[in-house]
Protein backbone atom coordinates (compact mmCIF):
# COMPACT_ATOMS: atom_id res chain seq x y z
CA MET A 1 8.87 2.44 -25.90
CA PHE A 2 5.41 1.67 -24.65
CA GLN A 3 3.05 4.50 -25.70
CA LEU A 4 -0.10 5.75 -24.00
CA LYS A 5 -3.23 5.95 -26.14
CA SER A 6 -5.04 9.27 -26.38
CA THR A 7 -8.66 8.97 -25.21
CA VAL A 8 -9.41 12.53 -24.17
CA LYS A 9 -13.13 12.71 -24.96
CA LYS A 10 -13.85 9.37 -23.42
CA SER A 11 -11.78 10.31 -20.39
CA ASP A 12 -13.80 13.51 -19.94
CA ARG A 13 -17.06 11.56 -19.91
CA ASN A 14 -15.64 9.06 -17.41
CA HIS A 15 -14.39 11.91 -15.22
CA ASP A 16 -17.88 13.48 -15.13
CA HIS A 17 -19.33 10.06 -14.20
CA TRP A 18 -16.96 9.57 -11.24
CA GLU A 19 -17.50 13.14 -10.02
CA LEU A 20 -21.13 12.32 -9.32
CA ILE A 21 -20.15 9.36 -7.06
CA PHE A 22 -18.16 11.28 -4.46
CA LEU A 23 -19.90 12.63 -1.39
CA PRO A 24 -19.25 16.34 -0.62
CA GLU A 25 -16.58 15.66 2.07
CA GLU A 26 -14.85 13.13 -0.21
CA LYS A 27 -14.81 15.43 -3.18
CA TRP A 28 -13.55 18.29 -0.98
CA VAL A 29 -10.56 16.25 0.18
CA VAL A 30 -9.80 15.09 -3.40
CA ASP A 31 -10.07 18.64 -4.77
CA ALA A 32 -7.91 20.09 -2.04
CA LEU A 33 -5.08 17.46 -2.06
CA PHE A 34 -5.05 15.77 -5.44
CA ARG A 35 -6.19 18.67 -7.63
CA ASP A 36 -4.77 21.65 -5.64
CA CYS A 37 -8.01 23.61 -5.96
CA ASN A 38 -7.88 27.01 -4.24
CA ASP A 39 -11.53 28.10 -4.79
CA LEU A 40 -13.25 25.51 -2.63
CA ALA A 41 -16.70 26.20 -1.20
CA PRO A 42 -16.93 27.44 2.42
CA LEU A 43 -17.48 24.75 5.00
CA ASP A 44 -20.11 24.51 7.72
CA ASN A 45 -19.16 22.85 11.01
CA ASP A 46 -20.74 19.45 10.21
CA LEU A 47 -18.95 19.17 6.89
CA GLN A 48 -15.65 20.13 8.45
CA GLN A 49 -15.93 17.16 10.86
CA HIS A 50 -16.85 14.79 8.04
CA ILE A 51 -13.82 15.98 6.05
CA ILE A 52 -11.47 15.45 9.01
CA LEU A 53 -12.78 11.94 9.60
CA TYR A 54 -12.48 11.00 5.94
CA ALA A 55 -8.97 12.44 5.69
CA ARG A 56 -7.87 10.53 8.79
CA LYS A 57 -9.21 7.25 7.48
CA HIS A 58 -7.10 7.59 4.39
CA GLY A 59 -3.90 8.90 5.94
CA LEU A 60 -4.31 12.39 4.52
CA ALA A 61 -5.14 14.55 7.59
CA GLN A 62 -1.51 15.72 7.97
CA LEU A 63 -1.36 16.90 4.36
CA LEU A 64 -4.70 18.61 4.83
CA TYR A 65 -3.27 20.60 7.79
CA LYS A 66 -0.54 22.06 5.59
CA SER A 67 -2.60 22.51 2.44
CA ASN A 68 -3.62 25.82 0.92
CA SER A 69 -7.26 25.04 1.80
CA VAL A 70 -6.69 24.83 5.55
CA SER A 71 -7.95 28.40 6.01
CA GLN A 72 -11.48 27.05 5.40
CA PHE A 73 -11.50 25.34 8.81
CA SER A 74 -12.53 26.82 12.12
CA GLN A 75 -9.98 27.33 14.87
CA PRO A 76 -11.10 24.30 16.97
CA VAL A 77 -10.73 22.04 13.90
CA LEU A 78 -7.34 23.60 13.12
CA ASP A 79 -6.22 22.88 16.68
CA GLU A 80 -7.35 19.29 16.25
CA LEU A 81 -5.46 18.92 12.99
CA LYS A 82 -2.39 20.47 14.59
CA ARG A 83 -2.41 17.92 17.43
CA ASP A 84 -2.62 15.10 14.89
CA PHE A 85 0.20 16.57 12.83
CA LEU A 86 2.53 17.00 15.83
CA SER A 87 1.75 13.46 17.08
CA ILE A 88 2.58 11.84 13.73
CA TYR A 89 5.64 14.06 13.36
CA ALA A 90 7.07 12.92 16.70
CA ARG A 91 6.33 9.26 16.03
CA ASN A 92 7.75 9.30 12.52
CA LEU A 93 10.97 10.99 13.71
CA LEU A 94 11.32 8.30 16.35
CA PHE A 95 10.68 5.51 13.79
CA ASN A 96 13.23 7.07 11.47
CA GLN A 97 15.83 7.02 14.26
CA ILE A 98 15.05 3.37 14.95
CA LEU A 99 15.38 2.69 11.21
CA ILE A 100 18.88 4.23 11.21
CA GLU A 101 19.83 2.09 14.22
CA ILE A 102 18.60 -1.10 12.46
CA LEU A 103 20.41 -0.28 9.24
CA SER A 104 23.62 0.32 11.20
CA LEU A 105 23.12 -3.04 12.98
CA PHE A 106 22.61 -4.83 9.64
CA HIS A 107 25.61 -3.07 8.09
CA LYS A 108 27.90 -4.17 10.91
CA ASN A 109 26.79 -7.75 10.23
CA GLY A 110 27.26 -7.61 6.48
CA ILE A 111 23.55 -7.43 5.62
CA GLU A 112 22.52 -5.23 2.68
CA ALA A 113 19.07 -3.70 3.18
CA ILE A 114 16.58 -1.76 1.05
CA VAL A 115 14.17 0.60 2.86
CA LEU A 116 10.57 0.14 1.70
CA LYS A 117 7.18 1.83 1.74
CA GLY A 118 6.23 4.35 4.45
CA SER A 119 9.70 4.37 6.04
CA PHE A 120 11.30 5.60 2.84
CA LEU A 121 8.42 7.78 1.70
CA SER A 122 8.21 9.64 4.99
CA ALA A 123 11.92 10.21 5.33
CA VAL A 124 12.71 11.06 1.71
CA VAL A 125 9.86 11.58 -0.73
CA TYR A 126 7.37 13.74 1.24
CA GLU A 127 8.29 17.31 2.03
CA ASN A 128 7.81 16.76 5.77
CA PRO A 129 8.16 13.45 7.72
CA ALA A 130 4.67 14.00 9.24
CA PHE A 131 2.98 14.11 5.82
CA ARG A 132 3.21 10.31 5.43
CA PRO A 133 2.05 8.38 8.47
CA PHE A 134 3.16 4.75 8.76
CA SER A 135 2.73 2.10 11.46
CA ASP A 136 5.71 -0.15 10.94
CA ILE A 137 9.16 -0.30 9.38
CA ASP A 138 9.61 -2.43 6.25
CA ILE A 139 13.11 -3.54 5.19
CA LEU A 140 14.04 -5.81 2.29
CA VAL A 141 17.07 -8.03 2.68
CA ARG A 142 18.43 -10.81 0.46
CA GLU A 143 16.61 -14.10 1.02
CA GLU A 144 19.74 -15.92 2.22
CA GLN A 145 20.27 -13.22 4.89
CA ALA A 146 16.64 -12.86 6.05
CA ASP A 147 16.89 -15.30 8.96
CA THR A 148 20.11 -13.68 10.21
CA ALA A 149 18.55 -10.21 10.01
CA TRP A 150 15.46 -11.33 11.88
CA LYS A 151 17.50 -12.95 14.67
CA LEU A 152 19.52 -9.72 15.10
CA LEU A 153 16.22 -7.99 16.00
CA TRP A 154 15.08 -10.78 18.28
CA PRO A 155 18.27 -12.46 19.50
CA ASP A 156 16.70 -14.84 22.06
CA SER A 157 14.87 -18.07 21.34
CA GLY A 158 11.77 -16.33 20.12
CA TYR A 159 12.65 -17.11 16.51
CA LYS A 160 12.00 -20.82 17.10
CA LEU A 161 8.53 -20.25 18.54
CA VAL A 162 7.10 -18.39 15.58
CA LYS A 163 5.62 -20.31 12.65
CA GLN A 164 6.55 -18.88 9.30
CA ASP A 165 4.93 -18.61 5.89
CA ALA A 166 7.41 -20.45 3.68
CA THR A 167 6.17 -18.69 0.51
CA GLY A 168 5.46 -15.33 2.18
CA HIS A 169 7.34 -12.16 1.35
CA HIS A 170 8.32 -11.24 4.93
CA LEU A 171 9.16 -12.96 8.20
CA PRO A 172 6.82 -12.58 11.18
CA PRO A 173 6.77 -8.99 12.50
CA VAL A 174 9.04 -8.34 15.48
CA MET A 175 9.09 -5.53 18.01
CA PHE A 176 12.38 -3.58 18.22
CA ARG A 177 12.78 -0.50 20.44
CA GLY A 178 8.95 -0.14 20.49
CA ALA A 179 8.50 -0.25 16.70
CA THR A 180 7.06 -3.08 14.59
CA ILE A 181 9.65 -4.31 12.08
CA GLU A 182 8.90 -6.48 9.01
CA VAL A 183 11.97 -8.08 7.44
CA HIS A 184 11.11 -8.76 3.80
CA ARG A 185 12.80 -11.33 1.58
CA SER A 186 10.74 -10.23 -1.46
CA LEU A 187 8.18 -7.53 -2.25
CA PHE A 188 5.29 -9.95 -2.63
CA PRO A 189 4.63 -13.61 -1.74
CA GLN A 190 6.22 -16.11 -4.15
CA ASN A 191 2.82 -17.58 -5.04
CA THR A 192 0.90 -14.41 -5.96
CA SER A 193 -0.11 -13.86 -9.57
CA TYR A 194 1.53 -10.45 -9.84
CA LYS A 195 4.97 -9.50 -8.51
CA ILE A 196 8.19 -7.75 -9.43
CA PRO A 197 11.05 -10.24 -9.79
CA VAL A 198 13.23 -9.91 -6.69
CA ASP A 199 16.46 -10.43 -8.68
CA VAL A 200 15.47 -7.40 -10.80
CA ILE A 201 14.85 -5.40 -7.65
CA TRP A 202 18.38 -5.99 -6.36
CA ARG A 203 20.04 -5.36 -9.72
CA SER A 204 18.28 -2.04 -10.16
CA ALA A 205 18.35 -0.79 -6.53
CA VAL A 206 19.93 2.65 -6.11
CA ARG A 207 21.44 4.82 -3.36
CA ASP A 208 19.16 7.80 -2.85
CA ILE A 209 21.20 11.01 -3.26
CA LYS A 210 19.17 13.02 -0.72
CA SER A 211 19.18 10.56 2.18
CA GLY A 212 21.90 8.05 1.39
CA LEU A 213 19.36 5.25 1.93
CA PHE A 214 19.54 2.17 -0.31
CA SER A 215 16.17 2.06 -2.11
CA LEU A 216 14.19 0.70 -5.03
CA ASP A 217 14.84 2.37 -8.35
CA PRO A 218 12.31 5.08 -9.27
CA CYS A 219 10.23 2.92 -11.59
CA SER A 220 10.08 0.02 -9.12
CA GLN A 221 8.96 2.47 -6.44
CA VAL A 222 5.86 3.38 -8.44
CA LEU A 223 5.13 -0.23 -9.56
CA HIS A 224 5.54 -1.49 -5.96
CA THR A 225 3.08 1.16 -4.71
CA CYS A 226 0.59 0.23 -7.44
CA LEU A 227 0.79 -3.51 -6.69
CA HIS A 228 0.61 -2.91 -2.93
CA THR A 229 -2.53 -0.82 -3.47
CA TYR A 230 -3.96 -3.43 -5.86
CA TYR A 231 -3.53 -6.35 -3.41
CA ASN A 232 -5.04 -4.34 -0.58
CA TYR A 233 -7.97 -3.57 -2.87
CA LYS A 234 -8.31 -7.33 -3.58
CA MET A 235 -8.51 -7.85 0.19
CA GLY A 236 -11.37 -5.34 0.44
CA GLY A 237 -9.57 -2.14 1.51
CA ILE A 238 -7.88 0.86 -0.05
CA ARG A 239 -6.53 4.16 1.25
CA LEU A 240 -6.25 7.29 -0.79
CA GLY A 241 -2.97 7.91 0.93
CA TRP A 242 -1.43 5.21 -1.20
CA LEU A 243 -2.60 7.06 -4.35
CA MET A 244 -0.98 10.19 -2.92
CA ASP A 245 2.25 8.17 -2.70
CA ILE A 246 2.13 7.76 -6.45
CA ARG A 247 1.82 11.52 -6.99
CA LYS A 248 4.66 12.28 -4.60
CA LEU A 249 6.90 9.65 -6.20
CA MET A 250 6.34 11.10 -9.67
CA GLU A 251 7.11 14.54 -8.37
CA TYR A 252 10.25 13.40 -6.54
CA TYR A 253 11.58 11.43 -9.52
CA ASP A 254 10.81 14.16 -12.03
CA GLU A 255 12.85 12.36 -14.73
CA LEU A 256 10.51 9.34 -14.58
CA SER A 257 7.77 9.18 -17.24
CA TRP A 258 4.49 7.22 -17.37
CA ASP A 259 5.80 5.46 -20.49
CA ASP A 260 8.72 4.14 -18.45
CA VAL A 261 6.36 2.84 -15.74
CA LEU A 262 3.92 1.15 -18.17
CA SER A 263 6.73 -0.30 -20.26
CA LYS A 264 8.19 -2.07 -17.27
CA ALA A 265 4.77 -3.10 -15.99
CA HIS A 266 4.22 -4.79 -19.37
CA ARG A 267 7.66 -6.46 -19.23
CA TYR A 268 7.07 -7.85 -15.73
CA GLY A 269 3.58 -9.15 -16.52
CA ILE A 270 1.84 -6.77 -14.08
CA TYR A 271 0.31 -4.38 -16.62
CA GLU A 272 -3.37 -5.06 -15.74
CA PRO A 273 -3.23 -4.41 -11.98
CA VAL A 274 -0.91 -1.40 -12.50
CA THR A 275 -3.21 0.23 -15.06
CA LEU A 276 -6.23 -0.41 -12.86
CA ILE A 277 -4.67 1.52 -9.95
CA LEU A 278 -3.33 4.23 -12.26
CA SER A 279 -6.82 4.67 -13.66
CA LEU A 280 -8.07 5.42 -10.16
CA TYR A 281 -5.16 7.83 -9.68
CA ASN A 282 -6.11 9.60 -12.90
CA ILE A 283 -9.66 10.07 -11.60
CA LEU A 284 -8.34 11.67 -8.46
CA ASN A 285 -5.73 13.69 -10.33
CA PRO A 286 -6.90 14.38 -13.91
CA ALA A 287 -3.82 16.59 -14.43
CA ALA A 288 -1.79 13.37 -14.68
CA ASN A 289 -3.41 12.93 -18.10
CA LEU A 290 -2.90 9.20 -17.85
CA ASN A 291 -5.59 7.80 -20.12
CA VAL A 292 -5.08 4.06 -20.25
CA PRO A 293 -7.86 2.01 -21.86
CA LEU A 294 -9.37 -0.58 -19.51
CA LYS A 295 -10.95 -3.91 -20.30
CA GLY A 296 -14.62 -4.52 -19.37
CA ARG A 297 -13.66 -6.54 -16.28
CA GLN A 298 -11.29 -3.81 -15.16
CA LYS A 299 -14.01 -1.17 -15.45
CA ARG A 300 -16.20 -3.22 -13.06
CA GLU A 301 -13.23 -3.49 -10.72
CA LEU A 302 -12.73 0.27 -10.88
CA GLU A 303 -16.27 0.80 -9.63
CA LEU A 304 -15.56 -1.59 -6.72
CA ILE A 305 -12.33 0.28 -5.91
CA ILE A 306 -14.27 3.58 -5.76
CA LYS A 307 -16.65 1.91 -3.32
CA PHE A 308 -13.75 0.85 -1.12
CA ALA A 309 -12.20 4.27 -1.32
CA ARG A 310 -15.37 5.68 0.23
CA GLY A 311 -15.07 3.30 3.17
CA THR A 312 -12.62 3.04 6.03
CA GLY A 313 -9.69 1.59 4.05
CA GLU A 314 -9.72 -1.53 6.26
CA GLN A 315 -9.49 -5.01 4.73
CA LYS A 316 -12.50 -7.35 4.78
CA LEU A 317 -12.37 -11.12 5.34
CA GLU A 318 -14.87 -11.96 2.58
CA TYR A 319 -12.46 -10.39 0.09
CA SER A 320 -9.11 -11.41 1.56
CA TYR A 321 -9.80 -15.12 1.09
CA SER A 322 -9.63 -14.66 -2.63
CA ILE A 323 -5.91 -13.85 -2.24
CA ALA A 324 -5.46 -16.93 -0.04
CA TRP A 325 -6.93 -19.16 -2.74
CA GLU A 326 -4.94 -17.38 -5.44
CA ARG A 327 -1.79 -18.21 -3.54
CA PHE A 328 -2.95 -21.84 -3.06
CA TRP A 329 -3.51 -22.40 -6.80
CA ASN A 330 -0.22 -20.70 -7.67
CA SER A 331 1.78 -22.90 -5.22
CA LYS A 332 4.00 -25.26 -7.17
CA GLY A 333 3.30 -28.95 -6.86
CA LEU A 334 1.13 -30.93 -4.49
CA LYS A 335 3.60 -30.63 -1.63
CA GLN A 336 3.57 -26.82 -1.63
CA LYS A 337 -0.20 -26.78 -2.01
CA TYR A 338 -0.56 -29.15 0.93
CA HIS A 339 1.73 -27.05 3.17
CA PHE A 340 -0.04 -23.81 2.21
CA LEU A 341 -3.48 -25.29 2.88
CA LYS A 342 -2.26 -26.68 6.19
CA GLN A 343 -0.97 -23.21 7.08
CA LEU A 344 -4.33 -21.68 6.13
CA ILE A 345 -6.24 -24.21 8.26
CA ARG A 346 -4.02 -24.06 11.33
CA ASN A 347 -3.37 -20.90 13.26
CA ASP A 348 -0.65 -21.88 15.71
CA ASN A 349 1.64 -18.83 15.76
CA ALA A 350 3.51 -18.39 19.03
CA GLY A 351 2.43 -21.88 20.15
CA ILE A 352 -1.33 -21.18 20.07
CA LYS A 353 -3.12 -24.41 19.15
CA ARG A 354 -6.62 -24.59 17.75
CA ASN A 355 -8.93 -27.50 16.96
CA VAL A 356 -8.39 -28.52 13.34
CA PHE A 357 -12.09 -29.13 12.76
CA ILE A 358 -12.95 -25.65 13.97
CA ARG A 359 -10.32 -24.22 11.60
CA LEU A 360 -11.77 -26.29 8.75
CA SER A 361 -15.22 -24.93 9.49
CA TYR A 362 -13.79 -21.37 9.42
CA LEU A 363 -12.14 -22.09 6.07
CA PHE A 364 -15.33 -23.36 4.44
CA ARG A 365 -17.41 -20.58 5.94
CA ASN A 366 -15.10 -17.81 4.83
CA THR A 367 -14.70 -19.35 1.41
CA PHE A 368 -18.47 -19.41 1.02
CA ARG A 369 -18.64 -15.79 2.10
CA MET A 370 -16.00 -14.95 -0.49
CA PHE A 371 -18.04 -16.51 -3.34
CA PHE A 372 -21.24 -14.90 -2.09
CA GLN A 373 -19.57 -11.49 -1.97
CA LYS A 374 -18.23 -11.96 -5.55
CA ILE A 375 -21.71 -12.74 -6.83
CA LYS A 376 -23.14 -9.78 -4.88
CA ASP A 377 -20.58 -7.38 -6.39
CA LYS A 378 -21.54 -8.41 -9.92
CA LEU A 379 -25.25 -7.77 -9.41
């Protein structure tokens, strides 16, 4: 069994260091939602608005509305939070109905499907469907059935018009009953450095007792969330809502231990990115008592993650190109590298053609911006 190392004194010093970084509205949200603090300082009107904006950016406003600290807000702010809550509640209920319809359609056609990410978390893991906002429905199917599943959602000739990423983890998004659907054939692109083996995913998948949905096993749920958060960080964006997912998953699967998670992360070769994200989670929620030693490079990355966590959560082009080049170098053989580079240069989805020389200039410009940003981050 993989064992956590005890670093309590060092962890306390690190915790004090990170506490000084958060702005008042950021620390208030973290204290209220990740640390369940009940003795928070009273709020003036300006700080209330900053808190609401920050919580919204990170997908936490709905949880804030139902938290024990909600009494600190004025009535107009409470009304605003209530409107947000009811809006997300109605949308998520609609999306969950659409999900059931899709799963029924797949079942009738002999397609086995695993429900992923926000669709599963909202319907099953969180106490209320509104607590976990999500914008699309993610479903994993076996690779050999992915094309069939996609065509069931878009039965006309549209499938032929859309260019596909041959090494990508999902087919192009498709609209179905007003919802965006992503049909996945794996959890991560084939040519990323870190991923959970898809054959392991299918062997360990379980039927959730509460909902009856076919889902990832508990350990894979946490690892998938960590890697999803990690790759979004590598593209320049992070949302604290994804860290809340980790907390809710560990509460829902109360038999799951951190030793189980880290042991499998080590076995799958994803230990470094998983421990990096869990270190951030431990800063937000010290009660997790998850003290995992980080390497020097990871400590610098952790500082950058905190910087992103204070932003909007949106991805940034100067960072996302690092993932594109990672996938290029990990592509097997010259043929795959050529096709991936061609795909990167050309943007001709849905028949939209662009001048190749213009695309090349974009490629070189954005690659230069990527290197400049990496140098800037190290200064």
